[in-house]
């Protein structure tokens, strides 16, 4: 687990730059599930994703020389935006590496934050390998999207806020990509909300953690085939695997169709727009993949909202 002291130090650092995100009750989901369902709106972070917590903490932990040299990462998604935003706010040079497949929809928000953008390789793995080589050769610090203790401690600050907002949480539901978010939340829950059980959710085609836990070893997916792109880690790390294996009570996997249905229902009922990577956690509850006891206090961490309107309209038309 991540130590309580590390989480408290991360909360102090993160609080300098980020406001606590709201926790709101969903009347529609509460009625549907017969419980008190609360939504933790990480979608309202400056980059519309929880990732900025870990990025701020990791970069703020660098010493003066490391900060002066700058940071690098490889991500065209929420992590890349988070590193670029945190680096900009802290006045630190940042370079984000992306593959040739990166779309303009991913590049445009990155450009607005002003990092150096380098396109390299056919896939993310190629861009990431190149970023790691550059970091090693230049002395610049590589910020991993999940396999980094400071990043995980930053994500754990969600539970510091939850402990104030809902001290009697019974169930916390979290999406899983590489495992950094759920590792942070599960560790934080053990320290601050010890009576709460933590459940993790993946989509079919991005379920590396579920397959790994079932096999008792880390399993690498040959490819990510889910539409939930921000859950796109082909394998988890050993630390994340161990934390999930020992601290997470339930794991669920839902199809893309269920995630999209939950996304559209949330938009219609609660007027909240999220990514499929966030909606899958709601889908796990509404489809019964994660059981809710009557009257429980349930928290769903809505991890991100970086989804294009065109995609939402496409899914809505397909559902009609």
Foldseek 3Di string as FASTA:
>chain_A
DQDPVLLVVLLVQLVVPWDQFDKAWFPVLCVLQQATEIEGQCCPTPLRFLQLLLLLQVLVPDDPVQQALAEEEEDLDSNLLSNLQNNLVVVGAYEYEYEPPRDVLSVVSSVVSPHHYHYDHHHSVGRGVVRVVCCVVSVHHYDYSAPDSSSLSSLLNNLVVVCVVPVAAAEEEEEAAQQSNVLSVLVSCVVRVVNHAYEYEEEPQRPQLVVQLVVVHGAFAPFRDAPQCVSGDRTYDPSSSVSCNPRHDYYYYHYNLLLLVQQVVCCVRVVDHAGSSQSRRVSCDSVVVDHDDRHGYYYRHRGGHSDDPVVNVVSVVVVD
